[in-house]
Amino acid sequence: MSQFDEMKKKAEGLLSTAWEKAEPILKDAREVAEPIYKDAKSKATPILKDAKDKAVPVLKDARDRAKPLLKDAKDKAGPLLENAKGKASDLYGDVRTKLDELKSDRPHDDRSSEG
């Protein structure tokens, strides 16, 4: 028998022994935990349902109250943004015109074309 086969056989034996010892412990733990889980679930379910039943109308009411406020804000913001956009565009045009005027007023430097 090779050394690998011996190690494999020992490992299988250790795993088997570990499982034999762990299995009853796991079964006992499950027997203890299962009724605790079922009890907690039976107590939590109606509490969670009640919380949901109370939260849904509150959230719907908040949504219904927010909708007209958001619409009003959108209605007011739209024209303001358009106005600001127009002013910014006008300002950009003015600045661009002034820059073009300054460029045309400045003496031309022939050195830039010599290179």
PDB file of N, CA and C in Angstrom:
ATOM      1  N   MET A   1       0.859  -1.181   0.000  1.00  0.00           N
ATOM      2  CA  MET A   1       0.000   0.000   0.000  1.00  0.00           C
ATOM      3  C   MET A   1       0.900   1.238   0.000  1.00  0.00           C
ATOM      4  N   SER A   2       0.595   2.174  -0.913  1.00  0.00           N
ATOM      5  CA  SER A   2       1.407   3.388  -1.025  1.00  0.00           C
ATOM      6  C   SER A   2       1.115   4.331   0.144  1.00  0.00           C
ATOM      7  N   GLN A   3       2.011   5.269   0.310  1.00  0.00           N
ATOM      8  CA  GLN A   3       1.861   6.253   1.389  1.00  0.00           C
ATOM      9  C   GLN A   3       0.585   7.078   1.171  1.00  0.00           C
ATOM     10  N   PHE A   4       0.298   7.411  -0.082  1.00  0.00           N
ATOM     11  CA  PHE A   4      -0.918   8.161  -0.399  1.00  0.00           C
ATOM     12  C   PHE A   4      -2.153   7.367   0.005  1.00  0.00           C
ATOM     13  N   ASP A   5      -2.168   6.075  -0.327  1.00  0.00           N
ATOM     14  CA  ASP A   5      -3.316   5.233   0.019  1.00  0.00           C
ATOM     15  C   ASP A   5      -3.490   5.132   1.531  1.00  0.00           C
ATOM     16  N   GLU A   6      -2.360   5.056   2.255  1.00  0.00           N
ATOM     17  CA  GLU A   6      -2.429   4.994   3.721  1.00  0.00           C
ATOM     18  C   GLU A   6      -3.019   6.291   4.284  1.00  0.00           C
ATOM     19  N   MET A   7      -2.553   7.414   3.752  1.00  0.00           N
ATOM     20  CA  MET A   7      -3.061   8.708   4.228  1.00  0.00           C
ATOM     21  C   MET A   7      -4.540   8.859   3.894  1.00  0.00           C
ATOM     22  N   LYS A   8      -4.919   8.400   2.709  1.00  0.00           N
ATOM     23  CA  LYS A   8      -6.319   8.476   2.303  1.00  0.00           C
ATOM     24  C   LYS A   8      -7.190   7.634   3.226  1.00  0.00           C
ATOM     25  N   LYS A   9      -6.724   6.449   3.572  1.00  0.00           N
ATOM     26  CA  LYS A   9      -7.485   5.557   4.457  1.00  0.00           C
ATOM     27  C   LYS A   9      -7.619   6.180   5.847  1.00  0.00           C
ATOM     28  N   LYS A  10      -6.522   6.802   6.344  1.00  0.00           N
ATOM     29  CA  LYS A  10      -6.571   7.459   7.656  1.00  0.00           C
ATOM     30  C   LYS A  10      -7.551   8.637   7.632  1.00  0.00           C
ATOM     31  N   ALA A  11      -7.501   9.410   6.542  1.00  0.00           N
ATOM     32  CA  ALA A  11      -8.399  10.560   6.425  1.00  0.00           C
ATOM     33  C   ALA A  11      -9.849  10.104   6.403  1.00  0.00           C
ATOM     34  N   GLU A  12     -10.138   9.043   5.658  1.00  0.00           N
ATOM     35  CA  GLU A  12     -11.506   8.516   5.614  1.00  0.00           C
ATOM     36  C   GLU A  12     -11.953   8.055   6.993  1.00  0.00           C
ATOM     37  N   GLY A  13     -11.034   7.426   7.728  1.00  0.00           N
ATOM     38  CA  GLY A  13     -11.356   6.979   9.086  1.00  0.00           C
ATOM     39  C   GLY A  13     -11.639   8.154  10.010  1.00  0.00           C
ATOM     40  N   LEU A  14     -10.806   9.207   9.901  1.00  0.00           N
ATOM     41  CA  LEU A  14     -11.012  10.394  10.732  1.00  0.00           C
ATOM     42  C   LEU A  14     -12.343  11.070  10.408  1.00  0.00           C
ATOM     43  N   LEU A  15     -12.650  11.174   9.110  1.00  0.00           N
ATOM     44  CA  LEU A  15     -13.918  11.782   8.717  1.00  0.00           C
ATOM     45  C   LEU A  15     -15.097  10.962   9.212  1.00  0.00           C
ATOM     46  N   SER A  16     -14.983   9.676   9.120  1.00  0.00           N
ATOM     47  CA  SER A  16     -16.064   8.800   9.578  1.00  0.00           C
ATOM     48  C   SER A  16     -16.277   8.953  11.082  1.00  0.00           C
ATOM     49  N   THR A  17     -15.177   8.983  11.824  1.00  0.00           N
ATOM     50  CA  THR A  17     -15.266   9.151  13.276  1.00  0.00           C
ATOM     51  C   THR A  17     -15.859  10.518  13.622  1.00  0.00           C
ATOM     52  N   ALA A  18     -15.402  11.555  12.907  1.00  0.00           N
ATOM     53  CA  ALA A  18     -15.917  12.902  13.165  1.00  0.00           C
ATOM     54  C   ALA A  18     -17.411  12.958  12.889  1.00  0.00           C
ATOM     55  N   TRP A  19     -17.860  12.341  11.798  1.00  0.00           N
ATOM     56  CA  TRP A  19     -19.284  12.352  11.474  1.00  0.00           C
ATOM     57  C   TRP A  19     -20.089  11.589  12.519  1.00  0.00           C
ATOM     58  N   GLU A  20     -19.575  10.462  12.969  1.00  0.00           N
ATOM     59  CA  GLU A  20     -20.269   9.670  13.993  1.00  0.00           C
ATOM     60  C   GLU A  20     -20.461  10.480  15.267  1.00  0.00           C
ATOM     61  N   LYS A  21     -19.463  11.302  15.600  1.00  0.00           N
ATOM     62  CA  LYS A  21     -19.568  12.128  16.806  1.00  0.00           C
ATOM     63  C   LYS A  21     -20.442  13.362  16.569  1.00  0.00           C
ATOM     64  N   ALA A  22     -20.365  13.934  15.374  1.00  0.00           N
ATOM     65  CA  ALA A  22     -21.091  15.172  15.095  1.00  0.00           C
ATOM     66  C   ALA A  22     -22.567  14.937  14.809  1.00  0.00           C
ATOM     67  N   GLU A  23     -22.912  13.822  14.198  1.00  0.00           N
ATOM     68  CA  GLU A  23     -24.294  13.591  13.779  1.00  0.00           C
ATOM     69  C   GLU A  23     -25.297  13.680  14.929  1.00  0.00           C
ATOM     70  N   PRO A  24     -25.067  13.005  16.064  1.00  0.00           N
ATOM     71  CA  PRO A  24     -26.055  13.139  17.146  1.00  0.00           C
ATOM     72  C   PRO A  24     -26.117  14.562  17.725  1.00  0.00           C
ATOM     73  N   ILE A  25     -24.984  15.248  17.725  1.00  0.00           N
ATOM     74  CA  ILE A  25     -24.968  16.628  18.224  1.00  0.00           C
ATOM     75  C   ILE A  25     -25.806  17.514  17.304  1.00  0.00           C
ATOM     76  N   LEU A  26     -25.643  17.337  15.991  1.00  0.00           N
ATOM     77  CA  LEU A  26     -26.415  18.118  15.029  1.00  0.00           C
ATOM     78  C   LEU A  26     -27.902  17.800  15.124  1.00  0.00           C
ATOM     79  N   LYS A  27     -28.234  16.533  15.313  1.00  0.00           N
ATOM     80  CA  LYS A  27     -29.644  16.153  15.458  1.00  0.00           C
ATOM     81  C   LYS A  27     -30.245  16.791  16.703  1.00  0.00           C
ATOM     82  N   ASP A  28     -29.494  16.752  17.815  1.00  0.00           N
ATOM     83  CA  ASP A  28     -29.975  17.384  19.048  1.00  0.00           C
ATOM     84  C   ASP A  28     -30.164  18.893  18.853  1.00  0.00           C
ATOM     85  N   ALA A  29     -29.203  19.522  18.189  1.00  0.00           N
ATOM     86  CA  ALA A  29     -29.293  20.963  17.951  1.00  0.00           C
ATOM     87  C   ALA A  29     -30.521  21.288  17.107  1.00  0.00           C
ATOM     88  N   ARG A  30     -30.783  20.459  16.114  1.00  0.00           N
ATOM     89  CA  ARG A  30     -31.954  20.698  15.273  1.00  0.00           C
ATOM     90  C   ARG A  30     -33.235  20.525  16.081  1.00  0.00           C
ATOM     91  N   GLU A  31     -33.276  19.515  16.919  1.00  0.00           N
ATOM     92  CA  GLU A  31     -34.466  19.278  17.741  1.00  0.00           C
ATOM     93  C   GLU A  31     -34.719  20.443  18.691  1.00  0.00           C
ATOM     94  N   VAL A  32     -33.656  21.070  19.164  1.00  0.00           N
ATOM     95  CA  VAL A  32     -33.804  22.223  20.053  1.00  0.00           C
ATOM     96  C   VAL A  32     -34.162  23.476  19.243  1.00  0.00           C
ATOM     97  N   ALA A  33     -33.505  23.672  18.125  1.00  0.00           N
ATOM     98  CA  ALA A  33     -33.681  24.903  17.348  1.00  0.00           C
ATOM     99  C   ALA A  33     -35.014  24.954  16.612  1.00  0.00           C
ATOM    100  N   GLU A  34     -35.495  23.830  16.132  1.00  0.00           N
ATOM    101  CA  GLU A  34     -36.709  23.840  15.316  1.00  0.00           C
ATOM    102  C   GLU A  34     -37.921  24.406  16.043  1.00  0.00           C
ATOM    103  N   PRO A  35     -38.213  23.983  17.276  1.00  0.00           N
ATOM    104  CA  PRO A  35     -39.367  24.583  17.956  1.00  0.00           C
ATOM    105  C   PRO A  35     -39.160  26.074  18.274  1.00  0.00           C
ATOM    106  N   ILE A  36     -37.922  26.463  18.545  1.00  0.00           N
ATOM    107  CA  ILE A  36     -37.638  27.880  18.805  1.00  0.00           C
ATOM    108  C   ILE A  36     -37.913  28.689  17.545  1.00  0.00           C
ATOM    109  N   TYR A  37     -37.467  28.173  16.399  1.00  0.00           N
ATOM    110  CA  TYR A  37     -37.704  28.842  15.121  1.00  0.00           C
ATOM    111  C   TYR A  37     -39.198  28.943  14.830  1.00  0.00           C
ATOM    112  N   LYS A  38     -39.902  27.847  14.998  1.00  0.00           N
ATOM    113  CA  LYS A  38     -41.341  27.847  14.713  1.00  0.00           C
ATOM    114  C   LYS A  38     -42.083  28.830  15.618  1.00  0.00           C
ATOM    115  N   ASP A  39     -41.684  28.881  16.887  1.00  0.00           N
ATOM    116  CA  ASP A  39     -42.313  29.807  17.828  1.00  0.00           C
ATOM    117  C   ASP A  39     -42.030  31.258  17.421  1.00  0.00           C
ATOM    118  N   ALA A  40     -40.779  31.536  17.097  1.00  0.00           N
ATOM    119  CA  ALA A  40     -40.416  32.897  16.684  1.00  0.00           C
ATOM    120  C   ALA A  40     -41.159  33.288  15.410  1.00  0.00           C
ATOM    121  N   LYS A  41     -41.258  32.359  14.472  1.00  0.00           N
ATOM    122  CA  LYS A  41     -41.951  32.644  13.218  1.00  0.00           C
ATOM    123  C   LYS A  41     -43.430  32.918  13.472  1.00  0.00           C
ATOM    124  N   SER A  42     -44.039  32.104  14.343  1.00  0.00           N
ATOM    125  CA  SER A  42     -45.471  32.295  14.601  1.00  0.00           C
ATOM    126  C   SER A  42     -45.741  33.617  15.322  1.00  0.00           C
ATOM    127  N   LYS A  43     -44.789  34.075  16.125  1.00  0.00           N
ATOM    128  CA  LYS A  43     -44.949  35.358  16.811  1.00  0.00           C
ATOM    129  C   LYS A  43     -44.630  36.537  15.887  1.00  0.00           C
ATOM    130  N   ALA A  44     -43.638  36.373  15.038  1.00  0.00           N
ATOM    131  CA  ALA A  44     -43.202  37.477  14.179  1.00  0.00           C
ATOM    132  C   ALA A  44     -44.147  37.711  13.010  1.00  0.00           C
ATOM    133  N   THR A  45     -44.742  36.670  12.481  1.00  0.00           N
ATOM    134  CA  THR A  45     -45.582  36.806  11.289  1.00  0.00           C
ATOM    135  C   THR A  45     -46.711  37.818  11.475  1.00  0.00           C
ATOM    136  N   PRO A  46     -47.519  37.726  12.538  1.00  0.00           N
ATOM    137  CA  PRO A  46     -48.586  38.724  12.675  1.00  0.00           C
ATOM    138  C   PRO A  46     -48.055  40.137  12.946  1.00  0.00           C
ATOM    139  N   ILE A  47     -46.935  40.232  13.632  1.00  0.00           N
ATOM    140  CA  ILE A  47     -46.345  41.552  13.900  1.00  0.00           C
ATOM    141  C   ILE A  47     -45.900  42.192  12.589  1.00  0.00           C
ATOM    142  N   LEU A  48     -45.242  41.400  11.740  1.00  0.00           N
ATOM    143  CA  LEU A  48     -44.784  41.922  10.452  1.00  0.00           C
ATOM    144  C   LEU A  48     -45.957  42.275   9.545  1.00  0.00           C
ATOM    145  N   LYS A  49     -46.993  41.463   9.562  1.00  0.00           N
ATOM    146  CA  LYS A  49     -48.181  41.747   8.750  1.00  0.00           C
ATOM    147  C   LYS A  49     -48.833  43.045   9.220  1.00  0.00           C
ATOM    148  N   ASP A  50     -48.938  43.204  10.542  1.00  0.00           N
ATOM    149  CA  ASP A  50     -49.522  44.425  11.097  1.00  0.00           C
ATOM    150  C   ASP A  50     -48.691  45.649  10.705  1.00  0.00           C
ATOM    151  N   ALA A  51     -47.365  45.516  10.788  1.00  0.00           N
ATOM    152  CA  ALA A  51     -46.489  46.629  10.406  1.00  0.00           C
ATOM    153  C   ALA A  51     -46.681  46.979   8.935  1.00  0.00           C
ATOM    154  N   LYS A  52     -46.797  45.963   8.098  1.00  0.00           N
ATOM    155  CA  LYS A  52     -47.013  46.199   6.667  1.00  0.00           C
ATOM    156  C   LYS A  52     -48.354  46.892   6.447  1.00  0.00           C
ATOM    157  N   ASP A  53     -49.384  46.388   7.120  1.00  0.00           N
ATOM    158  CA  ASP A  53     -50.722  46.971   6.959  1.00  0.00           C
ATOM    159  C   ASP A  53     -50.761  48.435   7.393  1.00  0.00           C
ATOM    160  N   LYS A  54     -49.969  48.779   8.404  1.00  0.00           N
ATOM    161  CA  LYS A  54     -49.929  50.169   8.868  1.00  0.00           C
ATOM    162  C   LYS A  54     -49.043  51.038   7.976  1.00  0.00           C
ATOM    163  N   ALA A  55     -47.977  50.466   7.458  1.00  0.00           N
ATOM    164  CA  ALA A  55     -47.022  51.248   6.668  1.00  0.00           C
ATOM    165  C   ALA A  55     -47.554  51.588   5.281  1.00  0.00           C
ATOM    166  N   VAL A  56     -48.257  50.672   4.666  1.00  0.00           N
ATOM    167  CA  VAL A  56     -48.718  50.893   3.286  1.00  0.00           C
ATOM    168  C   VAL A  56     -49.582  52.149   3.160  1.00  0.00           C
ATOM    169  N   PRO A  57     -50.605  52.327   3.997  1.00  0.00           N
ATOM    170  CA  PRO A  57     -51.404  53.560   3.856  1.00  0.00           C
ATOM    171  C   PRO A  57     -50.591  54.833   4.122  1.00  0.00           C
ATOM    172  N   VAL A  58     -49.675  54.766   5.070  1.00  0.00           N
ATOM    173  CA  VAL A  58     -48.843  55.938   5.370  1.00  0.00           C
ATOM    174  C   VAL A  58     -47.981  56.286   4.156  1.00  0.00           C
ATOM    175  N   LEU A  59     -47.388  55.272   3.549  1.00  0.00           N
ATOM    176  CA  LEU A  59     -46.548  55.512   2.375  1.00  0.00           C
ATOM    177  C   LEU A  59     -47.367  56.017   1.189  1.00  0.00           C
ATOM    178  N   LYS A  60     -48.556  55.454   1.014  1.00  0.00           N
ATOM    179  CA  LYS A  60     -49.420  55.925  -0.077  1.00  0.00           C
ATOM    180  C   LYS A  60     -49.817  57.381   0.149  1.00  0.00           C
ATOM    181  N   ASP A  61     -50.136  57.718   1.392  1.00  0.00           N
ATOM    182  CA  ASP A  61     -50.509  59.096   1.717  1.00  0.00           C
ATOM    183  C   ASP A  61     -49.339  60.045   1.447  1.00  0.00           C
ATOM    184  N   ALA A  62     -48.143  59.635   1.866  1.00  0.00           N
ATOM    185  CA  ALA A  62     -46.961  60.469   1.627  1.00  0.00           C
ATOM    186  C   ALA A  62     -46.730  60.654   0.131  1.00  0.00           C
ATOM    187  N   ARG A  63     -46.906  59.585  -0.625  1.00  0.00           N
ATOM    188  CA  ARG A  63     -46.751  59.673  -2.079  1.00  0.00           C
ATOM    189  C   ARG A  63     -47.787  60.627  -2.673  1.00  0.00           C
ATOM    190  N   ASP A  64     -49.036  60.488  -2.227  1.00  0.00           N
ATOM    191  CA  ASP A  64     -50.109  61.332  -2.759  1.00  0.00           C
ATOM    192  C   ASP A  64     -49.894  62.808  -2.424  1.00  0.00           C
ATOM    193  N   ARG A  65     -49.336  63.069  -1.235  1.00  0.00           N
ATOM    194  CA  ARG A  65     -49.064  64.457  -0.863  1.00  0.00           C
ATOM    195  C   ARG A  65     -47.851  65.012  -1.608  1.00  0.00           C
ATOM    196  N   ALA A  66     -46.903  64.158  -1.912  1.00  0.00           N
ATOM    197  CA  ALA A  66     -45.678  64.613  -2.580  1.00  0.00           C
ATOM    198  C   ALA A  66     -45.888  64.865  -4.072  1.00  0.00           C
ATOM    199  N   LYS A  67     -46.782  64.108  -4.694  1.00  0.00           N
ATOM    200  CA  LYS A  67     -46.978  64.238  -6.147  1.00  0.00           C
ATOM    201  C   LYS A  67     -47.272  65.671  -6.588  1.00  0.00           C
ATOM    202  N   PRO A  68     -48.271  66.355  -5.998  1.00  0.00           N
ATOM    203  CA  PRO A  68     -48.539  67.722  -6.461  1.00  0.00           C
ATOM    204  C   PRO A  68     -47.386  68.683  -6.166  1.00  0.00           C
ATOM    205  N   LEU A  69     -46.688  68.452  -5.061  1.00  0.00           N
ATOM    206  CA  LEU A  69     -45.546  69.316  -4.746  1.00  0.00           C
ATOM    207  C   LEU A  69     -44.448  69.154  -5.788  1.00  0.00           C
ATOM    208  N   LEU A  70     -44.186  67.908  -6.166  1.00  0.00           N
ATOM    209  CA  LEU A  70     -43.163  67.655  -7.177  1.00  0.00           C
ATOM    210  C   LEU A  70     -43.577  68.216  -8.537  1.00  0.00           C
ATOM    211  N   LYS A  71     -44.849  68.063  -8.864  1.00  0.00           N
ATOM    212  CA  LYS A  71     -45.342  68.592 -10.142  1.00  0.00           C
ATOM    213  C   LYS A  71     -45.213  70.111 -10.155  1.00  0.00           C
ATOM    214  N   ASP A  72     -45.589  70.748  -9.049  1.00  0.00           N
ATOM    215  CA  ASP A  72     -45.497  72.199  -8.948  1.00  0.00           C
ATOM    216  C   ASP A  72     -44.040  72.653  -9.081  1.00  0.00           C
ATOM    217  N   ALA A  73     -43.151  71.947  -8.398  1.00  0.00           N
ATOM    218  CA  ALA A  73     -41.727  72.294  -8.483  1.00  0.00           C
ATOM    219  C   ALA A  73     -41.221  72.135  -9.913  1.00  0.00           C
ATOM    220  N   LYS A  74     -41.650  71.068 -10.566  1.00  0.00           N
ATOM    221  CA  LYS A  74     -41.241  70.844 -11.961  1.00  0.00           C
ATOM    222  C   LYS A  74     -41.788  71.946 -12.859  1.00  0.00           C
ATOM    223  N   ASP A  75     -43.056  72.298 -12.649  1.00  0.00           N
ATOM    224  CA  ASP A  75     -43.676  73.341 -13.468  1.00  0.00           C
ATOM    225  C   ASP A  75     -42.980  74.690 -13.291  1.00  0.00           C
ATOM    226  N   LYS A  76     -42.541  74.969 -12.067  1.00  0.00           N
ATOM    227  CA  LYS A  76     -41.856  76.239 -11.811  1.00  0.00           C
ATOM    228  C   LYS A  76     -40.409  76.197 -12.288  1.00  0.00           C
ATOM    229  N   ALA A  77     -39.773  75.053 -12.125  1.00  0.00           N
ATOM    230  CA  ALA A  77     -38.355  74.951 -12.473  1.00  0.00           C
ATOM    231  C   ALA A  77     -38.136  74.982 -13.978  1.00  0.00           C
ATOM    232  N   GLY A  78     -39.064  74.408 -14.739  1.00  0.00           N
ATOM    233  CA  GLY A  78     -38.895  74.357 -16.191  1.00  0.00           C
ATOM    234  C   GLY A  78     -38.657  75.717 -16.810  1.00  0.00           C
ATOM    235  N   PRO A  79     -39.570  76.677 -16.596  1.00  0.00           N
ATOM    236  CA  PRO A  79     -39.352  78.012 -17.170  1.00  0.00           C
ATOM    237  C   PRO A  79     -38.099  78.700 -16.623  1.00  0.00           C
ATOM    238  N   LEU A  80     -37.809  78.491 -15.336  1.00  0.00           N
ATOM    239  CA  LEU A  80     -36.603  79.097 -14.768  1.00  0.00           C
ATOM    240  C   LEU A  80     -35.355  78.556 -15.453  1.00  0.00           C
ATOM    241  N   LEU A  81     -35.345  77.244 -15.684  1.00  0.00           N
ATOM    242  CA  LEU A  81     -34.191  76.648 -16.351  1.00  0.00           C
ATOM    243  C   LEU A  81     -34.074  77.133 -17.794  1.00  0.00           C
ATOM    244  N   GLU A  82     -35.187  77.237 -18.467  1.00  0.00           N
ATOM    245  CA  GLU A  82     -35.163  77.742 -19.847  1.00  0.00           C
ATOM    246  C   GLU A  82     -34.651  79.177 -19.883  1.00  0.00           C
ATOM    247  N   ASN A  83     -35.110  79.993 -18.934  1.00  0.00           N
ATOM    248  CA  ASN A  83     -34.666  81.380 -18.844  1.00  0.00           C
ATOM    249  C   ASN A  83     -33.160  81.437 -18.582  1.00  0.00           C
ATOM    250  N   ALA A  84     -32.697  80.622 -17.631  1.00  0.00           N
ATOM    251  CA  ALA A  84     -31.270  80.597 -17.306  1.00  0.00           C
ATOM    252  C   ALA A  84     -30.463  80.122 -18.510  1.00  0.00           C
ATOM    253  N   LYS A  85     -30.987  79.134 -19.205  1.00  0.00           N
ATOM    254  CA  LYS A  85     -30.310  78.622 -20.399  1.00  0.00           C
ATOM    255  C   LYS A  85     -30.202  79.721 -21.457  1.00  0.00           C
ATOM    256  N   GLY A  86     -31.288  80.465 -21.642  1.00  0.00           N
ATOM    257  CA  GLY A  86     -31.274  81.566 -22.606  1.00  0.00           C
ATOM    258  C   GLY A  86     -30.260  82.635 -22.235  1.00  0.00           C
ATOM    259  N   LYS A  87     -30.242  83.001 -20.949  1.00  0.00           N
ATOM    260  CA  LYS A  87     -29.296  84.024 -20.493  1.00  0.00           C
ATOM    261  C   LYS A  87     -27.859  83.541 -20.645  1.00  0.00           C
ATOM    262  N   ALA A  88     -27.627  82.277 -20.305  1.00  0.00           N
ATOM    263  CA  ALA A  88     -26.277  81.730 -20.439  1.00  0.00           C
ATOM    264  C   ALA A  88     -25.856  81.705 -21.901  1.00  0.00           C
ATOM    265  N   SER A  89     -26.785  81.357 -22.761  1.00  0.00           N
ATOM    266  CA  SER A  89     -26.491  81.338 -24.195  1.00  0.00           C
ATOM    267  C   SER A  89     -26.178  82.742 -24.698  1.00  0.00           C
ATOM    268  N   ASP A  90     -26.974  83.714 -24.256  1.00  0.00           N
ATOM    269  CA  ASP A  90     -26.729  85.107 -24.637  1.00  0.00           C
ATOM    270  C   ASP A  90     -25.366  85.571 -24.131  1.00  0.00           C
ATOM    271  N   LEU A  91     -25.064  85.230 -22.876  1.00  0.00           N
ATOM    272  CA  LEU A  91     -23.792  85.620 -22.284  1.00  0.00           C
ATOM    273  C   LEU A  91     -22.636  84.980 -23.051  1.00  0.00           C
ATOM    274  N   TYR A  92     -22.784  83.708 -23.377  1.00  0.00           N
ATOM    275  CA  TYR A  92     -21.751  83.016 -24.143  1.00  0.00           C
ATOM    276  C   TYR A  92     -21.541  83.719 -25.486  1.00  0.00           C
ATOM    277  N   GLY A  93     -22.651  84.072 -26.141  1.00  0.00           N
ATOM    278  CA  GLY A  93     -22.550  84.772 -27.423  1.00  0.00           C
ATOM    279  C   GLY A  93     -21.835  86.103 -27.282  1.00  0.00           C
ATOM    280  N   ASP A  94     -22.171  86.855 -26.230  1.00  0.00           N
ATOM    281  CA  ASP A  94     -21.518  88.149 -25.994  1.00  0.00           C
ATOM    282  C   ASP A  94     -20.022  87.970 -25.755  1.00  0.00           C
ATOM    283  N   VAL A  95     -19.679  87.010 -24.916  1.00  0.00           N
ATOM    284  CA  VAL A  95     -18.267  86.763 -24.605  1.00  0.00           C
ATOM    285  C   VAL A  95     -17.529  86.333 -25.867  1.00  0.00           C
ATOM    286  N   ARG A  96     -18.145  85.462 -26.623  1.00  0.00           N
ATOM    287  CA  ARG A  96     -17.533  84.978 -27.865  1.00  0.00           C
ATOM    288  C   ARG A  96     -17.299  86.145 -28.838  1.00  0.00           C
ATOM    289  N   THR A  97     -18.282  87.026 -28.941  1.00  0.00           N
ATOM    290  CA  THR A  97     -18.155  88.201 -29.814  1.00  0.00           C
ATOM    291  C   THR A  97     -17.009  89.091 -29.352  1.00  0.00           C
ATOM    292  N   LYS A  98     -16.944  89.342 -28.045  1.00  0.00           N
ATOM    293  CA  LYS A  98     -15.881  90.196 -27.493  1.00  0.00           C
ATOM    294  C   LYS A  98     -14.514  89.564 -27.748  1.00  0.00           C
ATOM    295  N   LEU A  99     -14.409  88.242 -27.553  1.00  0.00           N
ATOM    296  CA  LEU A  99     -13.131  87.568 -27.790  1.00  0.00           C
ATOM    297  C   LEU A  99     -12.726  87.670 -29.258  1.00  0.00           C
ATOM    298  N   ASP A 100     -13.692  87.495 -30.137  1.00  0.00           N
ATOM    299  CA  ASP A 100     -13.397  87.619 -31.566  1.00  0.00           C
ATOM    300  C   ASP A 100     -12.942  89.037 -31.904  1.00  0.00           C
ATOM    301  N   GLU A 101     -13.584  90.034 -31.289  1.00  0.00           N
ATOM    302  CA  GLU A 101     -13.185  91.428 -31.509  1.00  0.00           C
ATOM    303  C   GLU A 101     -11.768  91.669 -31.011  1.00  0.00           C
ATOM    304  N   LEU A 102     -11.464  91.132 -29.819  1.00  0.00           N
ATOM    305  CA  LEU A 102     -10.122  91.303 -29.263  1.00  0.00           C
ATOM    306  C   LEU A 102      -9.086  90.621 -30.146  1.00  0.00           C
ATOM    307  N   LYS A 103      -9.418  89.448 -30.659  1.00  0.00           N
ATOM    308  CA  LYS A 103      -8.490  88.739 -31.538  1.00  0.00           C
ATOM    309  C   LYS A 103      -8.220  89.546 -32.809  1.00  0.00           C
ATOM    310  N   SER A 104      -9.262  90.129 -33.358  1.00  0.00           N
ATOM    311  CA  SER A 104      -9.089  90.876 -34.610  1.00  0.00           C
ATOM    312  C   SER A 104      -8.391  92.212 -34.377  1.00  0.00           C
ATOM    313  N   ASP A 105      -8.510  92.776 -33.168  1.00  0.00           N
ATOM    314  CA  ASP A 105      -7.863  94.052 -32.856  1.00  0.00           C
ATOM    315  C   ASP A 105      -6.382  93.888 -32.561  1.00  0.00           C
ATOM    316  N   ARG A 106      -5.952  92.735 -32.163  1.00  0.00           N
ATOM    317  CA  ARG A 106      -4.559  92.546 -31.753  1.00  0.00           C
ATOM    318  C   ARG A 106      -3.686  92.442 -33.004  1.00  0.00           C
ATOM    319  N   PRO A 107      -2.471  92.977 -32.920  1.00  0.00           N
ATOM    320  CA  PRO A 107      -1.581  92.908 -34.089  1.00  0.00           C
ATOM    321  C   PRO A 107      -1.233  91.455 -34.395  1.00  0.00           C
ATOM    322  N   HIS A 108      -1.154  91.137 -35.648  1.00  0.00           N
ATOM    323  CA  HIS A 108      -0.860  89.777 -36.082  1.00  0.00           C
ATOM    324  C   HIS A 108       0.623  89.499 -35.875  1.00  0.00           C
ATOM    325  N   ASP A 109       0.958  88.367 -35.301  1.00  0.00           N
ATOM    326  CA  ASP A 109       2.341  87.994 -35.033  1.00  0.00           C
ATOM    327  C   ASP A 109       2.793  87.039 -36.129  1.00  0.00           C
ATOM    328  N   ASP A 110       3.697  87.499 -36.997  1.00  0.00           N
ATOM    329  CA  ASP A 110       4.160  86.680 -38.118  1.00  0.00           C
ATOM    330  C   ASP A 110       5.111  85.586 -37.669  1.00  0.00           C
ATOM    331  N   ARG A 111       5.648  85.687 -36.467  1.00  0.00           N
ATOM    332  CA  ARG A 111       6.585  84.666 -35.998  1.00  0.00           C
ATOM    333  C   ARG A 111       5.923  83.308 -35.881  1.00  0.00           C
ATOM    334  N   SER A 112       4.616  83.271 -35.621  1.00  0.00           N
ATOM    335  CA  SER A 112       3.933  81.992 -35.441  1.00  0.00           C
ATOM    336  C   SER A 112       3.902  81.192 -36.730  1.00  0.00           C
ATOM    337  N   SER A 113       3.987  81.852 -37.883  1.00  0.00           N
ATOM    338  CA  SER A 113       3.940  81.134 -39.154  1.00  0.00           C
ATOM    339  C   SER A 113       5.334  80.788 -39.658  1.00  0.00           C
ATOM    340  N   GLU A 114       6.392  81.289 -38.980  1.00  0.00           N
ATOM    341  CA  GLU A 114       7.756  81.058 -39.452  1.00  0.00           C
ATOM    342  C   GLU A 114       8.265  79.684 -39.078  1.00  0.00           C
ATOM    343  N   GLY A 115       8.006  79.056 -38.080  1.00  0.00           N
ATOM    344  CA  GLY A 115       8.509  77.887 -37.474  1.00  0.00           C
ATOM    345  C   GLY A 115       9.089  76.851 -38.201  1.00  0.00           C
TER     346      GLY A 115
END
